[in-house]
Amino acid sequence: MLRMSPYIVFNGEATAALEFYHSVFGGELTTMPFADFNSAPELDNKIMHGQLDAEGFTLMAADSPTNDSPQEKGNVTVCLWGDDPEAGRRWFDALAEGGTVGTPLEKQMWGDHYGDLTDKFGVEWSVNVSDAG
């Protein structure tokens, strides 16, 4: 079986971003700094690989060793979806702290609650939740 996970590349913010996502989603966070692999001293505070295993998904991230990760918005949005309105609201509100809400999380014409935002690290998120049942 293969699985697919988002892998986000930062320019020195991977530790802060992963710790933030861990505070939002819980789960188990592991990080491997470049320093663990006898890297160049300028990479010592950067993450070679980080992984957050939360309920239902895995989110991975790293720092670009050359700081060449695009800073403008990309063409990828991390989508959270399911049938737990309480978790959807909690995650949306937590991700929105320090970020910019594009569409408030509200009931939409298709019947689900949907909202989208860009978090404080510039990562785009969309949340779509239906009522449980």
N, C-alpha and C. Protein backbone atom coordinates (compact mmCIF):
# COMPACT_ATOMS: atom_id res chain seq x y z
N MET A 1 0.84 -1.18 0.00
CA MET A 1 0.00 0.00 0.00
C MET A 1 0.89 1.25 0.00
N LEU A 2 0.56 2.20 -0.82
CA LEU A 2 1.22 3.50 -0.84
C LEU A 2 0.31 4.53 -0.19
N ARG A 3 0.92 5.54 0.42
CA ARG A 3 0.16 6.64 0.99
C ARG A 3 0.72 7.94 0.44
N MET A 4 -0.07 8.98 0.45
CA MET A 4 0.38 10.28 -0.02
C MET A 4 0.28 11.28 1.13
N SER A 5 1.30 12.10 1.27
CA SER A 5 1.33 13.10 2.33
C SER A 5 1.87 14.42 1.79
N PRO A 6 1.34 15.54 2.26
CA PRO A 6 1.93 16.82 1.88
C PRO A 6 3.33 16.94 2.47
N TYR A 7 4.25 17.52 1.71
CA TYR A 7 5.62 17.78 2.17
C TYR A 7 5.89 19.25 1.89
N ILE A 8 6.02 20.04 2.95
CA ILE A 8 6.15 21.48 2.83
C ILE A 8 7.61 21.87 3.09
N VAL A 9 8.17 22.70 2.21
CA VAL A 9 9.56 23.14 2.36
C VAL A 9 9.57 24.60 2.78
N PHE A 10 10.33 24.86 3.85
CA PHE A 10 10.45 26.20 4.41
C PHE A 10 11.88 26.70 4.27
N ASN A 11 12.07 27.99 4.53
CA ASN A 11 13.40 28.61 4.54
C ASN A 11 13.79 28.95 5.97
N GLY A 12 14.00 27.92 6.79
CA GLY A 12 14.40 28.14 8.17
C GLY A 12 13.27 28.20 9.17
N GLU A 13 12.03 27.99 8.73
CA GLU A 13 10.87 28.04 9.63
C GLU A 13 10.26 26.68 9.90
N ALA A 14 10.89 25.60 9.45
CA ALA A 14 10.27 24.27 9.58
C ALA A 14 10.02 23.90 11.04
N THR A 15 10.96 24.18 11.92
CA THR A 15 10.77 23.83 13.33
C THR A 15 9.55 24.55 13.90
N ALA A 16 9.49 25.87 13.71
CA ALA A 16 8.37 26.65 14.23
C ALA A 16 7.05 26.20 13.60
N ALA A 17 7.05 25.94 12.30
CA ALA A 17 5.83 25.52 11.62
C ALA A 17 5.37 24.15 12.13
N LEU A 18 6.28 23.20 12.23
CA LEU A 18 5.90 21.87 12.70
C LEU A 18 5.41 21.91 14.15
N GLU A 19 6.05 22.71 14.99
CA GLU A 19 5.57 22.84 16.37
C GLU A 19 4.18 23.46 16.41
N PHE A 20 3.93 24.44 15.53
CA PHE A 20 2.61 25.04 15.45
C PHE A 20 1.58 24.01 15.00
N TYR A 21 1.87 23.26 13.93
CA TYR A 21 0.93 22.25 13.45
C TYR A 21 0.71 21.15 14.50
N HIS A 22 1.75 20.82 15.25
CA HIS A 22 1.61 19.85 16.34
C HIS A 22 0.64 20.38 17.40
N SER A 23 0.71 21.69 17.70
CA SER A 23 -0.22 22.26 18.67
C SER A 23 -1.66 22.26 18.15
N VAL A 24 -1.82 22.34 16.84
CA VAL A 24 -3.16 22.32 16.25
C VAL A 24 -3.72 20.90 16.18
N PHE A 25 -2.94 19.97 15.65
CA PHE A 25 -3.44 18.63 15.33
C PHE A 25 -3.09 17.56 16.35
N GLY A 26 -2.16 17.84 17.26
CA GLY A 26 -1.72 16.79 18.18
C GLY A 26 -0.90 15.77 17.42
N GLY A 27 -0.85 14.54 17.93
CA GLY A 27 -0.12 13.48 17.26
C GLY A 27 1.32 13.40 17.73
N GLU A 28 2.14 12.74 16.92
CA GLU A 28 3.54 12.54 17.27
C GLU A 28 4.42 13.29 16.28
N LEU A 29 5.28 14.14 16.82
CA LEU A 29 6.18 14.96 16.00
C LEU A 29 7.61 14.45 16.14
N THR A 30 8.26 14.19 15.02
CA THR A 30 9.67 13.83 15.02
C THR A 30 10.40 14.77 14.05
N THR A 31 11.60 15.17 14.44
CA THR A 31 12.40 16.03 13.56
C THR A 31 13.83 15.50 13.54
N MET A 32 14.46 15.69 12.38
CA MET A 32 15.86 15.33 12.20
C MET A 32 16.59 16.58 11.70
N PRO A 33 17.30 17.26 12.59
CA PRO A 33 18.05 18.45 12.16
C PRO A 33 19.25 18.06 11.31
N PHE A 34 19.65 18.94 10.42
CA PHE A 34 20.86 18.71 9.63
C PHE A 34 22.05 18.45 10.55
N ALA A 35 22.06 19.09 11.73
CA ALA A 35 23.19 18.94 12.67
C ALA A 35 23.42 17.49 13.06
N ASP A 36 22.38 16.66 13.06
CA ASP A 36 22.52 15.24 13.41
C ASP A 36 23.32 14.47 12.37
N PHE A 37 23.57 15.08 11.23
CA PHE A 37 24.25 14.39 10.13
C PHE A 37 25.56 15.07 9.75
N ASN A 38 26.19 15.73 10.74
CA ASN A 38 27.48 16.39 10.54
C ASN A 38 27.46 17.33 9.33
N SER A 39 26.45 18.15 9.28
CA SER A 39 26.29 19.08 8.17
C SER A 39 27.17 20.31 8.37
N ALA A 40 27.11 21.18 7.39
CA ALA A 40 27.81 22.46 7.50
C ALA A 40 27.21 23.25 8.66
N PRO A 41 28.02 23.99 9.40
CA PRO A 41 27.54 24.72 10.58
C PRO A 41 26.35 25.65 10.30
N GLU A 42 26.28 26.24 9.11
CA GLU A 42 25.17 27.15 8.81
C GLU A 42 23.82 26.43 8.71
N LEU A 43 23.85 25.09 8.66
CA LEU A 43 22.61 24.31 8.59
C LEU A 43 22.19 23.74 9.94
N ASP A 44 22.98 23.97 10.97
CA ASP A 44 22.74 23.34 12.27
C ASP A 44 21.34 23.60 12.83
N ASN A 45 20.77 24.76 12.58
CA ASN A 45 19.44 25.07 13.13
C ASN A 45 18.31 24.80 12.15
N LYS A 46 18.60 24.08 11.08
CA LYS A 46 17.58 23.77 10.08
C LYS A 46 17.18 22.30 10.17
N ILE A 47 15.97 22.03 9.72
CA ILE A 47 15.42 20.68 9.76
C ILE A 47 15.63 19.99 8.41
N MET A 48 16.29 18.83 8.45
CA MET A 48 16.45 18.03 7.24
C MET A 48 15.15 17.31 6.90
N HIS A 49 14.48 16.80 7.94
CA HIS A 49 13.18 16.15 7.75
C HIS A 49 12.40 16.22 9.05
N GLY A 50 11.14 16.59 8.93
CA GLY A 50 10.23 16.59 10.07
C GLY A 50 8.96 15.89 9.67
N GLN A 51 8.34 15.23 10.64
CA GLN A 51 7.13 14.47 10.33
C GLN A 51 6.17 14.54 11.50
N LEU A 52 4.93 14.91 11.20
CA LEU A 52 3.87 14.92 12.18
C LEU A 52 2.87 13.83 11.80
N ASP A 53 2.78 12.81 12.64
CA ASP A 53 1.81 11.74 12.45
C ASP A 53 0.63 12.02 13.36
N ALA A 54 -0.46 12.48 12.78
CA ALA A 54 -1.66 12.81 13.53
C ALA A 54 -2.76 11.82 13.14
N GLU A 55 -3.89 11.93 13.78
CA GLU A 55 -4.98 11.00 13.50
C GLU A 55 -5.46 11.17 12.06
N GLY A 56 -5.23 10.16 11.24
CA GLY A 56 -5.74 10.16 9.89
C GLY A 56 -4.81 10.71 8.81
N PHE A 57 -3.67 11.30 9.18
CA PHE A 57 -2.79 11.84 8.14
C PHE A 57 -1.38 12.03 8.68
N THR A 58 -0.47 12.21 7.74
CA THR A 58 0.93 12.53 8.05
C THR A 58 1.29 13.80 7.29
N LEU A 59 1.89 14.75 7.99
CA LEU A 59 2.35 15.99 7.40
C LEU A 59 3.87 16.02 7.54
N MET A 60 4.57 16.26 6.44
CA MET A 60 6.02 16.29 6.47
C MET A 60 6.51 17.69 6.08
N ALA A 61 7.71 18.03 6.59
CA ALA A 61 8.27 19.34 6.27
C ALA A 61 9.79 19.30 6.44
N ALA A 62 10.45 20.26 5.83
CA ALA A 62 11.90 20.41 5.93
C ALA A 62 12.25 21.85 5.63
N ASP A 63 13.50 22.20 5.92
CA ASP A 63 14.04 23.49 5.52
C ASP A 63 14.88 23.31 4.27
N SER A 64 14.78 24.25 3.35
CA SER A 64 15.66 24.26 2.19
C SER A 64 17.06 24.62 2.67
N PRO A 65 18.06 23.80 2.37
CA PRO A 65 19.41 24.14 2.81
C PRO A 65 19.95 25.41 2.15
N THR A 66 19.39 25.77 1.01
CA THR A 66 19.87 26.95 0.28
C THR A 66 18.90 28.13 0.36
N ASN A 67 17.85 28.02 1.17
CA ASN A 67 16.84 29.07 1.31
C ASN A 67 16.22 29.48 -0.02
N ASP A 68 16.00 28.51 -0.89
CA ASP A 68 15.43 28.84 -2.20
C ASP A 68 13.99 28.34 -2.38
N SER A 69 13.31 28.05 -1.28
CA SER A 69 11.91 27.68 -1.38
C SER A 69 11.10 28.92 -1.73
N PRO A 70 10.19 28.84 -2.70
CA PRO A 70 9.42 30.02 -3.09
C PRO A 70 8.66 30.60 -1.90
N GLN A 71 8.69 31.90 -1.75
CA GLN A 71 8.01 32.55 -0.65
C GLN A 71 6.59 32.99 -1.02
N GLU A 72 6.32 33.17 -2.28
CA GLU A 72 4.97 33.55 -2.67
C GLU A 72 4.07 32.32 -2.65
N LYS A 73 2.77 32.56 -2.70
CA LYS A 73 1.83 31.45 -2.67
C LYS A 73 2.09 30.51 -3.84
N GLY A 74 1.96 29.24 -3.57
CA GLY A 74 2.15 28.24 -4.61
C GLY A 74 0.82 27.79 -5.17
N ASN A 75 0.83 26.64 -5.78
CA ASN A 75 -0.40 26.11 -6.36
C ASN A 75 -0.87 24.87 -5.60
N VAL A 76 -0.47 24.75 -4.33
CA VAL A 76 -0.86 23.62 -3.50
C VAL A 76 -1.61 24.13 -2.28
N THR A 77 -2.72 23.49 -1.98
CA THR A 77 -3.48 23.77 -0.78
C THR A 77 -3.63 22.47 -0.01
N VAL A 78 -3.38 22.50 1.29
CA VAL A 78 -3.59 21.33 2.12
C VAL A 78 -5.07 21.33 2.50
N CYS A 79 -5.75 20.25 2.17
CA CYS A 79 -7.20 20.15 2.39
C CYS A 79 -7.48 19.22 3.56
N LEU A 80 -8.22 19.72 4.53
CA LEU A 80 -8.72 18.92 5.65
C LEU A 80 -10.20 18.70 5.42
N TRP A 81 -10.64 17.47 5.46
CA TRP A 81 -12.05 17.20 5.19
C TRP A 81 -12.52 16.00 6.01
N GLY A 82 -13.81 15.93 6.20
CA GLY A 82 -14.39 14.83 6.94
C GLY A 82 -15.76 15.19 7.48
N ASP A 83 -16.16 14.47 8.52
CA ASP A 83 -17.51 14.65 9.05
C ASP A 83 -17.50 14.94 10.55
N ASP A 84 -16.52 15.70 11.01
CA ASP A 84 -16.43 16.10 12.41
C ASP A 84 -16.41 17.63 12.48
N PRO A 85 -17.60 18.26 12.51
CA PRO A 85 -17.65 19.73 12.50
C PRO A 85 -16.88 20.38 13.65
N GLU A 86 -16.89 19.76 14.82
CA GLU A 86 -16.18 20.33 15.96
C GLU A 86 -14.67 20.38 15.71
N ALA A 87 -14.10 19.28 15.22
CA ALA A 87 -12.67 19.25 14.91
C ALA A 87 -12.36 20.21 13.76
N GLY A 88 -13.21 20.25 12.75
CA GLY A 88 -12.99 21.16 11.63
C GLY A 88 -12.94 22.61 12.09
N ARG A 89 -13.85 22.99 12.95
CA ARG A 89 -13.87 24.36 13.48
C ARG A 89 -12.63 24.62 14.33
N ARG A 90 -12.27 23.69 15.18
CA ARG A 90 -11.10 23.85 16.06
C ARG A 90 -9.82 24.02 15.22
N TRP A 91 -9.65 23.15 14.20
CA TRP A 91 -8.46 23.23 13.36
C TRP A 91 -8.43 24.52 12.55
N PHE A 92 -9.58 24.89 11.98
CA PHE A 92 -9.65 26.11 11.19
C PHE A 92 -9.26 27.32 12.04
N ASP A 93 -9.87 27.44 13.22
CA ASP A 93 -9.59 28.60 14.08
C ASP A 93 -8.13 28.63 14.51
N ALA A 94 -7.56 27.46 14.83
CA ALA A 94 -6.16 27.42 15.26
C ALA A 94 -5.22 27.78 14.12
N LEU A 95 -5.46 27.26 12.93
CA LEU A 95 -4.62 27.57 11.77
C LEU A 95 -4.73 29.05 11.37
N ALA A 96 -5.88 29.66 11.63
CA ALA A 96 -6.11 31.05 11.26
C ALA A 96 -5.36 32.03 12.16
N GLU A 97 -4.95 31.60 13.35
CA GLU A 97 -4.25 32.50 14.27
C GLU A 97 -2.96 33.01 13.63
N GLY A 98 -2.89 34.31 13.44
CA GLY A 98 -1.72 34.93 12.83
C GLY A 98 -1.73 34.85 11.32
N GLY A 99 -2.75 34.23 10.74
CA GLY A 99 -2.84 34.08 9.29
C GLY A 99 -3.92 34.98 8.72
N THR A 100 -4.35 34.64 7.49
CA THR A 100 -5.37 35.41 6.80
C THR A 100 -6.47 34.49 6.32
N VAL A 101 -7.69 34.75 6.76
CA VAL A 101 -8.84 33.95 6.33
C VAL A 101 -9.32 34.48 4.98
N GLY A 102 -9.41 33.59 4.00
CA GLY A 102 -9.96 33.96 2.69
C GLY A 102 -11.46 33.79 2.67
N THR A 103 -11.93 32.63 3.10
CA THR A 103 -13.35 32.31 3.19
C THR A 103 -13.63 31.83 4.60
N PRO A 104 -14.47 32.53 5.35
CA PRO A 104 -14.79 32.06 6.70
C PRO A 104 -15.44 30.67 6.65
N LEU A 105 -15.19 29.88 7.68
CA LEU A 105 -15.78 28.55 7.77
C LEU A 105 -17.26 28.68 8.06
N GLU A 106 -18.07 28.49 7.02
CA GLU A 106 -19.52 28.65 7.11
C GLU A 106 -20.21 27.61 6.24
N LYS A 107 -21.50 27.41 6.51
CA LYS A 107 -22.30 26.48 5.69
C LYS A 107 -22.37 27.01 4.26
N GLN A 108 -22.14 26.10 3.31
CA GLN A 108 -22.11 26.47 1.90
C GLN A 108 -23.32 25.89 1.16
N MET A 109 -23.49 26.30 -0.08
CA MET A 109 -24.65 25.87 -0.86
C MET A 109 -24.70 24.37 -1.08
N TRP A 110 -23.55 23.67 -1.00
CA TRP A 110 -23.55 22.22 -1.17
C TRP A 110 -23.85 21.49 0.13
N GLY A 111 -24.07 22.25 1.21
CA GLY A 111 -24.51 21.67 2.47
C GLY A 111 -23.44 21.48 3.52
N ASP A 112 -22.18 21.50 3.13
CA ASP A 112 -21.08 21.34 4.08
C ASP A 112 -20.63 22.70 4.60
N HIS A 113 -19.83 22.67 5.65
CA HIS A 113 -19.16 23.86 6.13
C HIS A 113 -17.79 23.90 5.47
N TYR A 114 -17.46 25.05 4.86
CA TYR A 114 -16.20 25.19 4.14
C TYR A 114 -15.59 26.54 4.49
N GLY A 115 -14.26 26.55 4.57
CA GLY A 115 -13.51 27.79 4.72
C GLY A 115 -12.09 27.58 4.25
N ASP A 116 -11.42 28.67 3.88
CA ASP A 116 -10.02 28.56 3.48
C ASP A 116 -9.23 29.71 4.07
N LEU A 117 -7.92 29.48 4.21
CA LEU A 117 -7.06 30.47 4.84
C LEU A 117 -5.62 30.23 4.43
N THR A 118 -4.80 31.23 4.68
CA THR A 118 -3.35 31.13 4.57
C THR A 118 -2.81 31.32 5.97
N ASP A 119 -2.06 30.32 6.46
CA ASP A 119 -1.57 30.41 7.84
C ASP A 119 -0.38 31.36 7.95
N LYS A 120 0.11 31.55 9.16
CA LYS A 120 1.18 32.52 9.40
C LYS A 120 2.50 32.15 8.75
N PHE A 121 2.60 30.93 8.21
CA PHE A 121 3.80 30.51 7.49
C PHE A 121 3.62 30.58 5.97
N GLY A 122 2.45 31.06 5.52
CA GLY A 122 2.19 31.19 4.09
C GLY A 122 1.63 29.93 3.45
N VAL A 123 1.27 28.92 4.26
CA VAL A 123 0.71 27.68 3.73
C VAL A 123 -0.80 27.84 3.61
N GLU A 124 -1.32 27.44 2.45
CA GLU A 124 -2.75 27.55 2.21
C GLU A 124 -3.46 26.28 2.68
N TRP A 125 -4.61 26.47 3.34
CA TRP A 125 -5.41 25.38 3.87
C TRP A 125 -6.86 25.57 3.45
N SER A 126 -7.55 24.46 3.19
CA SER A 126 -9.00 24.51 3.04
C SER A 126 -9.58 23.45 3.96
N VAL A 127 -10.72 23.77 4.55
CA VAL A 127 -11.40 22.87 5.47
C VAL A 127 -12.82 22.69 4.97
N ASN A 128 -13.23 21.44 4.78
CA ASN A 128 -14.58 21.11 4.33
C ASN A 128 -15.12 20.00 5.23
N VAL A 129 -16.15 20.32 6.01
CA VAL A 129 -16.72 19.31 6.91
C VAL A 129 -18.22 19.21 6.71
N SER A 130 -18.68 17.97 6.68
CA SER A 130 -20.11 17.71 6.64
C SER A 130 -20.54 17.33 8.04
N ASP A 131 -21.83 17.33 8.26
CA ASP A 131 -22.34 16.90 9.56
C ASP A 131 -22.13 15.41 9.71
N ALA A 132 -21.80 14.98 10.92
CA ALA A 132 -21.58 13.55 11.18
C ALA A 132 -22.89 12.80 10.94
N GLY A 133 -22.73 11.61 10.45
CA GLY A 133 -23.92 10.78 10.32
C GLY A 133 -24.11 10.29 8.97
